[in-house]
PDB file of N, CA and C in Angstrom:
ATOM      1  N   SER A   1      85.853  81.195 212.044  1.00  0.00           N
ATOM      2  CA  SER A   1      84.597  81.739 211.497  1.00  0.00           C
ATOM      3  C   SER A   1      84.922  82.469 210.212  1.00  0.00           C
ATOM      4  N   GLY A   2      83.837  82.820 209.452  1.00  0.00           N
ATOM      5  CA  GLY A   2      83.970  83.525 208.196  1.00  0.00           C
ATOM      6  C   GLY A   2      84.594  84.917 208.295  1.00  0.00           C
ATOM      7  N   ILE A   3      84.248  85.613 209.405  1.00  0.00           N
ATOM      8  CA  ILE A   3      84.761  87.000 209.572  1.00  0.00           C
ATOM      9  C   ILE A   3      86.295  86.957 209.775  1.00  0.00           C
ATOM     10  N   GLU A   4      86.787  85.974 210.523  1.00  0.00           N
ATOM     11  CA  GLU A   4      88.231  85.837 210.736  1.00  0.00           C
ATOM     12  C   GLU A   4      88.926  85.554 209.440  1.00  0.00           C
ATOM     13  N   GLN A   5      88.353  84.720 208.584  1.00  0.00           N
ATOM     14  CA  GLN A   5      88.971  84.387 207.301  1.00  0.00           C
ATOM     15  C   GLN A   5      89.016  85.619 206.425  1.00  0.00           C
ATOM     16  N   VAL A   6      87.955  86.403 206.423  1.00  0.00           N
ATOM     17  CA  VAL A   6      87.964  87.652 205.601  1.00  0.00           C
ATOM     18  C   VAL A   6      88.992  88.604 206.155  1.00  0.00           C
ATOM     19  N   ASN A   7      89.080  88.717 207.478  1.00  0.00           N
ATOM     20  CA  ASN A   7      90.069  89.603 208.100  1.00  0.00           C
ATOM     21  C   ASN A   7      91.517  89.178 207.777  1.00  0.00           C
ATOM     22  N   THR A   8      91.749  87.860 207.781  1.00  0.00           N
ATOM     23  CA  THR A   8      93.077  87.316 207.447  1.00  0.00           C
ATOM     24  C   THR A   8      93.374  87.602 205.982  1.00  0.00           C
ATOM     25  N   ALA A   9      92.413  87.417 205.108  1.00  0.00           N
ATOM     26  CA  ALA A   9      92.608  87.638 203.670  1.00  0.00           C
ATOM     27  C   ALA A   9      92.904  89.158 203.423  1.00  0.00           C
ATOM     28  N   ILE A  10      92.166  90.035 204.090  1.00  0.00           N
ATOM     29  CA  ILE A  10      92.421  91.474 203.912  1.00  0.00           C
ATOM     30  C   ILE A  10      93.799  91.855 204.436  1.00  0.00           C
ATOM     31  N   THR A  11      94.222  91.270 205.544  1.00  0.00           N
ATOM     32  CA  THR A  11      95.572  91.539 206.098  1.00  0.00           C
ATOM     33  C   THR A  11      96.660  91.110 205.141  1.00  0.00           C
ATOM     34  N   GLN A  12      96.474  89.892 204.537  1.00  0.00           N
ATOM     35  CA  GLN A  12      97.435  89.360 203.597  1.00  0.00           C
ATOM     36  C   GLN A  12      97.476  90.253 202.321  1.00  0.00           C
ATOM     37  N   MET A  13      96.360  90.702 201.889  1.00  0.00           N
ATOM     38  CA  MET A  13      96.275  91.575 200.701  1.00  0.00           C
ATOM     39  C   MET A  13      96.976  92.892 200.985  1.00  0.00           C
ATOM     40  N   ASP A  14      96.783  93.403 202.218  1.00  0.00           N
ATOM     41  CA  ASP A  14      97.429  94.692 202.613  1.00  0.00           C
ATOM     42  C   ASP A  14      98.972  94.472 202.622  1.00  0.00           C
ATOM     43  N   ASP A  15      99.432  93.334 203.169  1.00  0.00           N
ATOM     44  CA  ASP A  15     100.878  93.064 203.256  1.00  0.00           C
ATOM     45  C   ASP A  15     101.422  92.987 201.804  1.00  0.00           C
ATOM     46  N   VAL A  16     100.788  92.320 200.935  1.00  0.00           N
ATOM     47  CA  VAL A  16     101.243  92.155 199.575  1.00  0.00           C
ATOM     48  C   VAL A  16     101.277  93.504 198.875  1.00  0.00           C
ATOM     49  N   THR A  17     100.255  94.320 199.118  1.00  0.00           N
ATOM     50  CA  THR A  17     100.184  95.671 198.500  1.00  0.00           C
ATOM     51  C   THR A  17     101.371  96.522 198.988  1.00  0.00           C
ATOM     52  N   GLN A  18     101.680  96.416 200.284  1.00  0.00           N
ATOM     53  CA  GLN A  18     102.804  97.223 200.781  1.00  0.00           C
ATOM     54  C   GLN A  18     104.127  96.700 200.174  1.00  0.00           C
ATOM     55  N   GLN A  19     104.265  95.402 200.039  1.00  0.00           N
ATOM     56  CA  GLN A  19     105.468  94.878 199.428  1.00  0.00           C
ATOM     57  C   GLN A  19     105.593  95.297 197.981  1.00  0.00           C
ATOM     58  N   ASN A  20     104.462  95.308 197.255  1.00  0.00           N
ATOM     59  CA  ASN A  20     104.504  95.749 195.835  1.00  0.00           C
ATOM     60  C   ASN A  20     104.893  97.220 195.748  1.00  0.00           C
ATOM     61  N   ALA A  21     104.324  98.011 196.717  1.00  0.00           N
ATOM     62  CA  ALA A  21     104.681  99.480 196.707  1.00  0.00           C
ATOM     63  C   ALA A  21     106.191  99.683 196.921  1.00  0.00           C
ATOM     64  N   ALA A  22     106.746  98.879 197.846  1.00  0.00           N
ATOM     65  CA  ALA A  22     108.187  98.963 198.114  1.00  0.00           C
ATOM     66  C   ALA A  22     108.961  98.584 196.830  1.00  0.00           C
ATOM     67  N   LEU A  23     108.544  97.514 196.178  1.00  0.00           N
ATOM     68  CA  LEU A  23     109.218  97.074 194.966  1.00  0.00           C
ATOM     69  C   LEU A  23     109.176  98.120 193.877  1.00  0.00           C
ATOM     70  N   VAL A  24     108.044  98.815 193.777  1.00  0.00           N
ATOM     71  CA  VAL A  24     107.884  99.873 192.762  1.00  0.00           C
ATOM     72  C   VAL A  24     108.831 101.026 193.055  1.00  0.00           C
ATOM     73  N   GLU A  25     108.958 101.383 194.377  1.00  0.00           N
ATOM     74  CA  GLU A  25     109.869 102.444 194.742  1.00  0.00           C
ATOM     75  C   GLU A  25     111.335 102.038 194.430  1.00  0.00           C
ATOM     76  N   GLU A  26     111.683 100.791 194.715  1.00  0.00           N
ATOM     77  CA  GLU A  26     113.007 100.314 194.371  1.00  0.00           C
ATOM     78  C   GLU A  26     113.284 100.350 192.875  1.00  0.00           C
ATOM     79  N   ALA A  27     112.298  99.940 192.087  1.00  0.00           N
ATOM     80  CA  ALA A  27     112.440  99.946 190.688  1.00  0.00           C
ATOM     81  C   ALA A  27     112.584 101.355 190.135  1.00  0.00           C
ATOM     82  N   ALA A  28     111.819 102.293 190.667  1.00  0.00           N
ATOM     83  CA  ALA A  28     111.938 103.671 190.222  1.00  0.00           C
ATOM     84  C   ALA A  28     113.317 104.224 190.546  1.00  0.00           C
ATOM     85  N   ALA A  29     113.835 103.933 191.760  1.00  0.00           N
ATOM     86  CA  ALA A  29     115.172 104.390 192.104  1.00  0.00           C
ATOM     87  C   ALA A  29     116.235 103.776 191.231  1.00  0.00           C
ATOM     88  N   ALA A  30     116.060 102.480 190.886  1.00  0.00           N
ATOM     89  CA  ALA A  30     116.989 101.805 190.009  1.00  0.00           C
ATOM     90  C   ALA A  30     116.964 102.455 188.627  1.00  0.00           C
ATOM     91  N   ALA A  31     115.765 102.771 188.131  1.00  0.00           N
ATOM     92  CA  ALA A  31     115.645 103.331 186.798  1.00  0.00           C
ATOM     93  C   ALA A  31     116.319 104.704 186.765  1.00  0.00           C
ATOM     94  N   GLU A  32     116.151 105.504 187.852  1.00  0.00           N
ATOM     95  CA  GLU A  32     116.780 106.827 187.895  1.00  0.00           C
ATOM     96  C   GLU A  32     118.312 106.670 187.894  1.00  0.00           C
ATOM     97  N   SER A  33     118.769 105.733 188.682  1.00  0.00           N
ATOM     98  CA  SER A  33     120.234 105.479 188.755  1.00  0.00           C
ATOM     99  C   SER A  33     120.748 105.054 187.394  1.00  0.00           C
ATOM    100  N   LEU A  34     120.028 104.164 186.719  1.00  0.00           N
ATOM    101  CA  LEU A  34     120.407 103.665 185.417  1.00  0.00           C
ATOM    102  C   LEU A  34     120.420 104.810 184.414  1.00  0.00           C
ATOM    103  N   GLU A  35     119.461 105.711 184.517  1.00  0.00           N
ATOM    104  CA  GLU A  35     119.466 106.846 183.620  1.00  0.00           C
ATOM    105  C   GLU A  35     120.713 107.763 183.788  1.00  0.00           C
ATOM    106  N   GLU A  36     121.078 107.977 185.059  1.00  0.00           N
ATOM    107  CA  GLU A  36     122.250 108.792 185.359  1.00  0.00           C
ATOM    108  C   GLU A  36     123.520 108.092 184.782  1.00  0.00           C
ATOM    109  N   GLN A  37     123.593 106.789 185.017  1.00  0.00           N
ATOM    110  CA  GLN A  37     124.746 106.061 184.492  1.00  0.00           C
ATOM    111  C   GLN A  37     124.753 106.114 182.981  1.00  0.00           C
ATOM    112  N   ALA A  38     123.649 106.031 182.304  1.00  0.00           N
ATOM    113  CA  ALA A  38     123.584 106.123 180.856  1.00  0.00           C
ATOM    114  C   ALA A  38     124.070 107.453 180.384  1.00  0.00           C
ATOM    115  N   GLN A  39     123.716 108.494 181.077  1.00  0.00           N
ATOM    116  CA  GLN A  39     124.170 109.854 180.680  1.00  0.00           C
ATOM    117  C   GLN A  39     125.652 109.992 180.840  1.00  0.00           C
ATOM    118  N   GLN A  40     126.226 109.383 181.950  1.00  0.00           N
ATOM    119  CA  GLN A  40     127.652 109.401 182.173  1.00  0.00           C
ATOM    120  C   GLN A  40     128.354 108.623 181.004  1.00  0.00           C
ATOM    121  N   LEU A  41     127.755 107.536 180.644  1.00  0.00           N
ATOM    122  CA  LEU A  41     128.337 106.708 179.587  1.00  0.00           C
ATOM    123  C   LEU A  41     128.298 107.469 178.208  1.00  0.00           C
ATOM    124  N   VAL A  42     127.184 108.142 177.948  1.00  0.00           N
ATOM    125  CA  VAL A  42     127.111 108.977 176.757  1.00  0.00           C
ATOM    126  C   VAL A  42     128.226 110.012 176.734  1.00  0.00           C
ATOM    127  N   GLY A  43     128.461 110.619 177.886  1.00  0.00           N
ATOM    128  CA  GLY A  43     129.525 111.645 177.951  1.00  0.00           C
ATOM    129  C   GLY A  43     130.893 111.020 177.753  1.00  0.00           C
ATOM    130  N   ALA A  44     131.107 109.815 178.278  1.00  0.00           N
ATOM    131  CA  ALA A  44     132.419 109.186 178.113  1.00  0.00           C
ATOM    132  C   ALA A  44     132.643 108.694 176.690  1.00  0.00           C
ATOM    133  N   VAL A  45     131.599 108.253 176.039  1.00  0.00           N
ATOM    134  CA  VAL A  45     131.724 107.738 174.663  1.00  0.00           C
ATOM    135  C   VAL A  45     131.701 108.847 173.628  1.00  0.00           C
ATOM    136  N   ALA A  46     131.185 110.030 173.991  1.00  0.00           N
ATOM    137  CA  ALA A  46     131.072 111.118 173.036  1.00  0.00           C
ATOM    138  C   ALA A  46     132.414 111.559 172.454  1.00  0.00           C
ATOM    139  N   ARG A  47     133.465 111.320 173.119  1.00  0.00           N
ATOM    140  CA  ARG A  47     134.784 111.807 172.616  1.00  0.00           C
ATOM    141  C   ARG A  47     135.330 110.932 171.503  1.00  0.00           C
ATOM    142  N   PHE A  48     134.786 109.760 171.288  1.00  0.00           N
ATOM    143  CA  PHE A  48     135.274 108.890 170.252  1.00  0.00           C
ATOM    144  C   PHE A  48     134.677 109.205 168.889  1.00  0.00           C
ATOM    145  N   LYS A  49     135.489 109.249 167.845  1.00  0.00           N
ATOM    146  CA  LYS A  49     135.003 109.471 166.535  1.00  0.00           C
ATOM    147  C   LYS A  49     134.859 108.133 165.834  1.00  0.00           C
ATOM    148  N   LEU A  50     133.678 107.860 165.324  1.00  0.00           N
ATOM    149  CA  LEU A  50     133.389 106.552 164.781  1.00  0.00           C
ATOM    150  C   LEU A  50     133.809 106.382 163.330  1.00  0.00           C
ATOM    151  N   SER A  51     133.615 107.402 162.504  1.00  0.00           N
ATOM    152  CA  SER A  51     134.071 107.315 161.113  1.00  0.00           C
ATOM    153  C   SER A  51     134.140 108.714 160.544  1.00  0.00           C
ATOM    154  N   SER A  52     134.727 108.814 159.338  1.00  0.00           N
ATOM    155  CA  SER A  52     134.771 110.069 158.649  1.00  0.00           C
ATOM    156  C   SER A  52     133.587 110.268 157.679  1.00  0.00           C
ATOM    157  N   ASP A  53     132.659 109.330 157.735  1.00  0.00           N
ATOM    158  CA  ASP A  53     131.508 109.377 156.890  1.00  0.00           C
ATOM    159  C   ASP A  53     130.645 110.617 157.216  1.00  0.00           C
ATOM    160  N   PRO A  54     130.346 111.468 156.225  1.00  0.00           N
ATOM    161  CA  PRO A  54     129.601 112.693 156.492  1.00  0.00           C
ATOM    162  C   PRO A  54     128.207 112.434 157.020  1.00  0.00           C
ATOM    163  N   GLU A  55     127.676 111.232 156.755  1.00  0.00           N
ATOM    164  CA  GLU A  55     126.319 110.913 157.251  1.00  0.00           C
ATOM    165  C   GLU A  55     126.385 110.506 158.731  1.00  0.00           C
ATOM    166  N   SER A  56     127.563 110.215 159.229  1.00  0.00           N
ATOM    167  CA  SER A  56     127.696 109.914 160.656  1.00  0.00           C
ATOM    168  C   SER A  56     127.630 111.194 161.460  1.00  0.00           C
ATOM    169  N   ARG A  57     126.789 111.169 162.444  1.00  0.00           N
ATOM    170  CA  ARG A  57     126.743 112.404 163.278  1.00  0.00           C
ATOM    171  C   ARG A  57     126.260 111.961 164.651  1.00  0.00           C
ATOM    172  N   GLN A  58     126.617 112.809 165.583  1.00  0.00           N
ATOM    173  CA  GLN A  58     126.214 112.545 167.005  1.00  0.00           C
ATOM    174  C   GLN A  58     125.057 113.451 167.320  1.00  0.00           C
ATOM    175  N   LEU A  59     123.990 112.886 167.824  1.00  0.00           N
ATOM    176  CA  LEU A  59     122.868 113.661 168.229  1.00  0.00           C
ATOM    177  C   LEU A  59     123.051 114.049 169.701  1.00  0.00           C
ATOM    178  N   GLN A  60     122.813 115.286 169.996  1.00  0.00           N
ATOM    179  CA  GLN A  60     122.904 115.746 171.408  1.00  0.00           C
ATOM    180  C   GLN A  60     121.641 115.464 172.141  1.00  0.00           C
ATOM    181  N   PRO A  61     121.720 115.063 173.425  1.00  0.00           N
ATOM    182  CA  PRO A  61     120.525 114.816 174.165  1.00  0.00           C
ATOM    183  C   PRO A  61     119.692 116.087 174.268  1.00  0.00           C
ATOM    184  N   SER A  62     118.391 115.955 173.938  1.00  0.00           N
ATOM    185  CA  SER A  62     117.551 117.152 173.969  1.00  0.00           C
ATOM    186  C   SER A  62     116.808 117.308 175.247  1.00  0.00           C
ATOM    187  N   GLY A  63     116.840 116.358 176.101  1.00  0.00           N
ATOM    188  CA  GLY A  63     116.139 116.496 177.383  1.00  0.00           C
ATOM    189  C   GLY A  63     116.360 115.294 178.244  1.00  0.00           C
ATOM    190  N   LYS A  64     115.696 115.294 179.345  1.00  0.00           N
ATOM    191  CA  LYS A  64     115.812 114.182 180.321  1.00  0.00           C
ATOM    192  C   LYS A  64     115.261 112.888 179.707  1.00  0.00           C
ATOM    193  N   GLY A  65     116.037 111.838 179.896  1.00  0.00           N
ATOM    194  CA  GLY A  65     115.588 110.559 179.382  1.00  0.00           C
ATOM    195  C   GLY A  65     115.945 110.238 177.965  1.00  0.00           C
ATOM    196  N   GLN A  66     116.643 111.184 177.251  1.00  0.00           N
ATOM    197  CA  GLN A  66     117.006 110.934 175.906  1.00  0.00           C
ATOM    198  C   GLN A  66     118.546 110.965 175.806  1.00  0.00           C
ATOM    199  N   GLY A  67     119.170 109.883 175.387  1.00  0.00           N
ATOM    200  CA  GLY A  67     120.598 109.864 175.266  1.00  0.00           C
ATOM    201  C   GLY A  67     121.024 110.169 173.863  1.00  0.00           C
ATOM    202  N   ALA A  68     122.334 110.355 173.682  1.00  0.00           N
ATOM    203  CA  ALA A  68     122.884 110.643 172.368  1.00  0.00           C
ATOM    204  C   ALA A  68     122.844 109.360 171.540  1.00  0.00           C
ATOM    205  N   ALA A  69     122.744 109.516 170.258  1.00  0.00           N
ATOM    206  CA  ALA A  69     122.729 108.344 169.376  1.00  0.00           C
ATOM    207  C   ALA A  69     123.665 108.637 168.216  1.00  0.00           C
ATOM    208  N   VAL A  70     124.161 107.619 167.589  1.00  0.00           N
ATOM    209  CA  VAL A  70     125.028 107.767 166.442  1.00  0.00           C
ATOM    210  C   VAL A  70     124.281 107.137 165.283  1.00  0.00           C
ATOM    211  N   VAL A  71     124.227 107.900 164.177  1.00  0.00           N
ATOM    212  CA  VAL A  71     123.561 107.422 162.985  1.00  0.00           C
ATOM    213  C   VAL A  71     124.669 107.046 161.989  1.00  0.00           C
ATOM    214  N   ARG A  72     124.595 105.814 161.403  1.00  0.00           N
ATOM    215  CA  ARG A  72     125.581 105.378 160.500  1.00  0.00           C
ATOM    216  C   ARG A  72     124.925 104.634 159.318  1.00  0.00           C
ATOM    217  N   LYS A  73     125.639 104.538 158.251  1.00  0.00           N
ATOM    218  CA  LYS A  73     125.231 103.684 157.132  1.00  0.00           C
ATOM    219  C   LYS A  73     125.420 102.221 157.558  1.00  0.00           C
ATOM    220  N   LYS A  74     124.652 101.363 157.001  1.00  0.00           N
ATOM    221  CA  LYS A  74     124.863  99.947 157.251  1.00  0.00           C
ATOM    222  C   LYS A  74     126.146  99.520 156.629  1.00  0.00           C
ATOM    223  N   GLY A  75     126.835  98.585 157.342  1.00  0.00           N
ATOM    224  CA  GLY A  75     128.074  98.015 156.758  1.00  0.00           C
ATOM    225  C   GLY A  75     129.305  98.843 156.845  1.00  0.00           C
ATOM    226  N   THR A  76     129.323  99.925 157.623  1.00  0.00           N
ATOM    227  CA  THR A  76     130.480 100.764 157.677  1.00  0.00           C
ATOM    228  C   THR A  76     131.355 100.533 158.897  1.00  0.00           C
ATOM    229  N   ILE A  77     131.075  99.434 159.670  1.00  0.00           N
ATOM    230  CA  ILE A  77     131.848  99.222 160.849  1.00  0.00           C
ATOM    231  C   ILE A  77     133.151  98.542 160.440  1.00  0.00           C
ATOM    232  N   ALA A  78     134.260  99.135 160.842  1.00  0.00           N
ATOM    233  CA  ALA A  78     135.591  98.604 160.464  1.00  0.00           C
ATOM    234  C   ALA A  78     135.947  97.464 161.436  1.00  0.00           C
ATOM    235  N   LYS A  79     136.737  96.528 160.960  1.00  0.00           N
ATOM    236  CA  LYS A  79     137.231  95.481 161.804  1.00  0.00           C
ATOM    237  C   LYS A  79     138.299  96.000 162.699  1.00  0.00           C
ATOM    238  N   ALA A  80     138.323  95.512 163.944  1.00  0.00           N
ATOM    239  CA  ALA A  80     139.316  95.953 164.912  1.00  0.00           C
ATOM    240  C   ALA A  80     140.665  95.378 164.545  1.00  0.00           C
ATOM    241  N   LYS A  81     141.706  96.138 164.771  1.00  0.00           N
ATOM    242  CA  LYS A  81     143.051  95.652 164.508  1.00  0.00           C
ATOM    243  C   LYS A  81     143.482  94.785 165.709  1.00  0.00           C
ATOM    244  N   GLN A  82     144.279  93.758 165.377  1.00  0.00           N
ATOM    245  CA  GLN A  82     144.757  92.909 166.472  1.00  0.00           C
ATOM    246  C   GLN A  82     145.939  93.598 167.106  1.00  0.00           C
ATOM    247  N   LEU A  83     145.827  93.938 168.363  1.00  0.00           N
ATOM    248  CA  LEU A  83     146.886  94.677 169.008  1.00  0.00           C
ATOM    249  C   LEU A  83     148.058  93.834 169.512  1.00  0.00           C
ATOM    250  N   SER A  84     147.810  92.645 169.867  1.00  0.00           N
ATOM    251  CA  SER A  84     148.902  91.779 170.353  1.00  0.00           C
ATOM    252  C   SER A  84     148.763  90.455 169.693  1.00  0.00           C
ATOM    253  N   PRO A  85     149.867  89.750 169.491  1.00  0.00           N
ATOM    254  CA  PRO A  85     149.835  88.387 168.920  1.00  0.00           C
ATOM    255  C   PRO A  85     149.178  87.457 169.841  1.00  0.00           C
ATOM    256  N   PRO A  86     148.586  86.363 169.313  1.00  0.00           N
ATOM    257  CA  PRO A  86     147.911  85.385 170.171  1.00  0.00           C
ATOM    258  C   PRO A  86     148.981  84.726 171.075  1.00  0.00           C
ATOM    259  N   PRO A  87     148.533  84.268 172.233  1.00  0.00           N
ATOM    260  CA  PRO A  87     149.495  83.638 173.168  1.00  0.00           C
ATOM    261  C   PRO A  87     150.105  82.415 172.532  1.00  0.00           C
ATOM    262  N   ARG A  88     151.385  82.198 172.809  1.00  0.00           N
ATOM    263  CA  ARG A  88     152.093  81.064 172.284  1.00  0.00           C
ATOM    264  C   ARG A  88     151.985  79.879 173.268  1.00  0.00           C
ATOM    265  N   LYS A  89     152.061  78.666 172.738  1.00  0.00           N
ATOM    266  CA  LYS A  89     152.025  77.487 173.575  1.00  0.00           C
ATOM    267  C   LYS A  89     153.427  77.273 174.095  1.00  0.00           C
ATOM    268  N   MET A  90     153.501  76.703 175.312  1.00  0.00           N
ATOM    269  CA  MET A  90     154.804  76.403 175.874  1.00  0.00           C
ATOM    270  C   MET A  90     155.435  75.260 175.124  1.00  0.00           C
ATOM    271  N   SER A  91     156.726  75.380 174.843  1.00  0.00           N
ATOM    272  CA  SER A  91     157.369  74.345 174.102  1.00  0.00           C
ATOM    273  C   SER A  91     157.681  73.127 174.973  1.00  0.00           C
ATOM    274  N   LYS A  92     157.970  73.314 176.216  1.00  0.00           N
ATOM    275  CA  LYS A  92     158.289  72.221 177.100  1.00  0.00           C
ATOM    276  C   LYS A  92     157.487  72.320 178.396  1.00  0.00           C
ATOM    277  N   ALA A  93     157.177  71.183 178.927  1.00  0.00           N
ATOM    278  CA  ALA A  93     156.526  71.130 180.191  1.00  0.00           C
ATOM    279  C   ALA A  93     157.618  71.129 181.270  1.00  0.00           C
ATOM    280  N   LEU A  94     157.293  71.542 182.451  1.00  0.00           N
ATOM    281  CA  LEU A  94     158.277  71.533 183.535  1.00  0.00           C
ATOM    282  C   LEU A  94     158.570  70.046 183.866  1.00  0.00           C
ATOM    283  N   SER A  95     159.820  69.742 184.092  1.00  0.00           N
ATOM    284  CA  SER A  95     160.195  68.367 184.423  1.00  0.00           C
ATOM    285  C   SER A  95     159.724  67.956 185.768  1.00  0.00           C
ATOM    286  N   GLN A  96     159.749  68.859 186.746  1.00  0.00           N
ATOM    287  CA  GLN A  96     159.282  68.542 188.078  1.00  0.00           C
ATOM    288  C   GLN A  96     158.408  69.719 188.526  1.00  0.00           C
ATOM    289  N   PRO A  97     157.362  69.443 189.327  1.00  0.00           N
ATOM    290  CA  PRO A  97     156.562  70.552 189.789  1.00  0.00           C
ATOM    291  C   PRO A  97     157.405  71.447 190.750  1.00  0.00           C
ATOM    292  N   VAL A  98     157.060  72.725 190.726  1.00  0.00           N
ATOM    293  CA  VAL A  98     157.739  73.682 191.614  1.00  0.00           C
ATOM    294  C   VAL A  98     157.054  73.608 192.959  1.00  0.00           C
ATOM    295  N   ARG A  99     157.871  73.426 194.001  1.00  0.00           N
ATOM    296  CA  ARG A  99     157.309  73.326 195.351  1.00  0.00           C
ATOM    297  C   ARG A  99     157.823  74.464 196.217  1.00  0.00           C
ATOM    298  N   PRO A 100     156.939  74.994 197.030  1.00  0.00           N
ATOM    299  CA  PRO A 100     157.403  76.091 197.907  1.00  0.00           C
ATOM    300  C   PRO A 100     158.420  75.603 198.928  1.00  0.00           C
ATOM    301  N   SER A 101     159.239  76.500 199.421  1.00  0.00           N
ATOM    302  CA  SER A 101     160.226  76.079 200.402  1.00  0.00           C
ATOM    303  C   SER A 101     159.530  75.684 201.674  1.00  0.00           C
ATOM    304  N   SER A 102     160.176  74.820 202.477  1.00  0.00           N
ATOM    305  CA  SER A 102     159.537  74.304 203.708  1.00  0.00           C
ATOM    306  C   SER A 102     159.368  75.384 204.753  1.00  0.00           C
ATOM    307  N   GLU A 103     160.255  76.378 204.741  1.00  0.00           N
ATOM    308  CA  GLU A 103     160.104  77.435 205.763  1.00  0.00           C
ATOM    309  C   GLU A 103     159.673  78.706 205.078  1.00  0.00           C
ATOM    310  N   PRO A 104     158.611  79.351 205.686  1.00  0.00           N
ATOM    311  CA  PRO A 104     158.146  80.571 205.082  1.00  0.00           C
ATOM    312  C   PRO A 104     159.109  81.727 205.200  1.00  0.00           C
ATOM    313  N   GLN A 105     159.084  82.602 204.242  1.00  0.00           N
ATOM    314  CA  GLN A 105     159.950  83.739 204.208  1.00  0.00           C
ATOM    315  C   GLN A 105     159.225  84.912 204.849  1.00  0.00           C
ATOM    316  N   ASP A 106     159.607  85.325 206.052  1.00  0.00           N
ATOM    317  CA  ASP A 106     158.949  86.415 206.740  1.00  0.00           C
ATOM    318  C   ASP A 106     159.907  87.585 206.904  1.00  0.00           C
ATOM    319  N   ASP A 107     160.743  87.857 205.930  1.00  0.00           N
ATOM    320  CA  ASP A 107     161.705  88.945 206.052  1.00  0.00           C
ATOM    321  C   ASP A 107     161.025  90.313 206.141  1.00  0.00           C
ATOM    322  N   ASP A 108     159.959  90.476 205.441  1.00  0.00           N
ATOM    323  CA  ASP A 108     159.305  91.793 205.391  1.00  0.00           C
ATOM    324  C   ASP A 108     158.227  91.975 206.475  1.00  0.00           C
ATOM    325  N   TRP A 109     157.948  90.928 207.190  1.00  0.00           N
ATOM    326  CA  TRP A 109     156.841  91.008 208.186  1.00  0.00           C
ATOM    327  C   TRP A 109     157.350  91.607 209.499  1.00  0.00           C
ATOM    328  N   LYS A 110     156.520  92.528 210.054  1.00  0.00           N
ATOM    329  CA  LYS A 110     156.867  93.136 211.294  1.00  0.00           C
ATOM    330  C   LYS A 110     155.715  92.963 212.270  1.00  0.00           C
ATOM    331  N   GLU A 111     156.078  92.667 213.462  1.00  0.00           N
ATOM    332  CA  GLU A 111     155.051  92.512 214.543  1.00  0.00           C
ATOM    333  C   GLU A 111     154.738  93.912 215.061  1.00  0.00           C
ATOM    334  N   PHE A 112     153.510  94.129 215.507  1.00  0.00           N
ATOM    335  CA  PHE A 112     153.088  95.379 216.042  1.00  0.00           C
ATOM    336  C   PHE A 112     152.926  95.232 217.540  1.00  0.00           C
TER     337      PHE A 112
END
């Protein structure tokens, strides 16, 4: 009947509303966690000096929800130095594949 359909629709809307409320709570908790992680990241990165440019400066967070920012001139980012040489190619391939021994080595294994 019509009343049963209305009752079913209201029950479904109530369920969806409760699910949405739970999702909003999860999103709020995730946002708070992300804000805390961002503050920790700001603290970790604050020790690095970006340039000797007098216009570069670090802004201190003035309150909750505002992180530190670095102001720089455009085009002042230096290229990173290459710390290690690129990997070399192997000059020879192995003549035969390496195969494990037929018996396992259990010298260090102890039974309890």
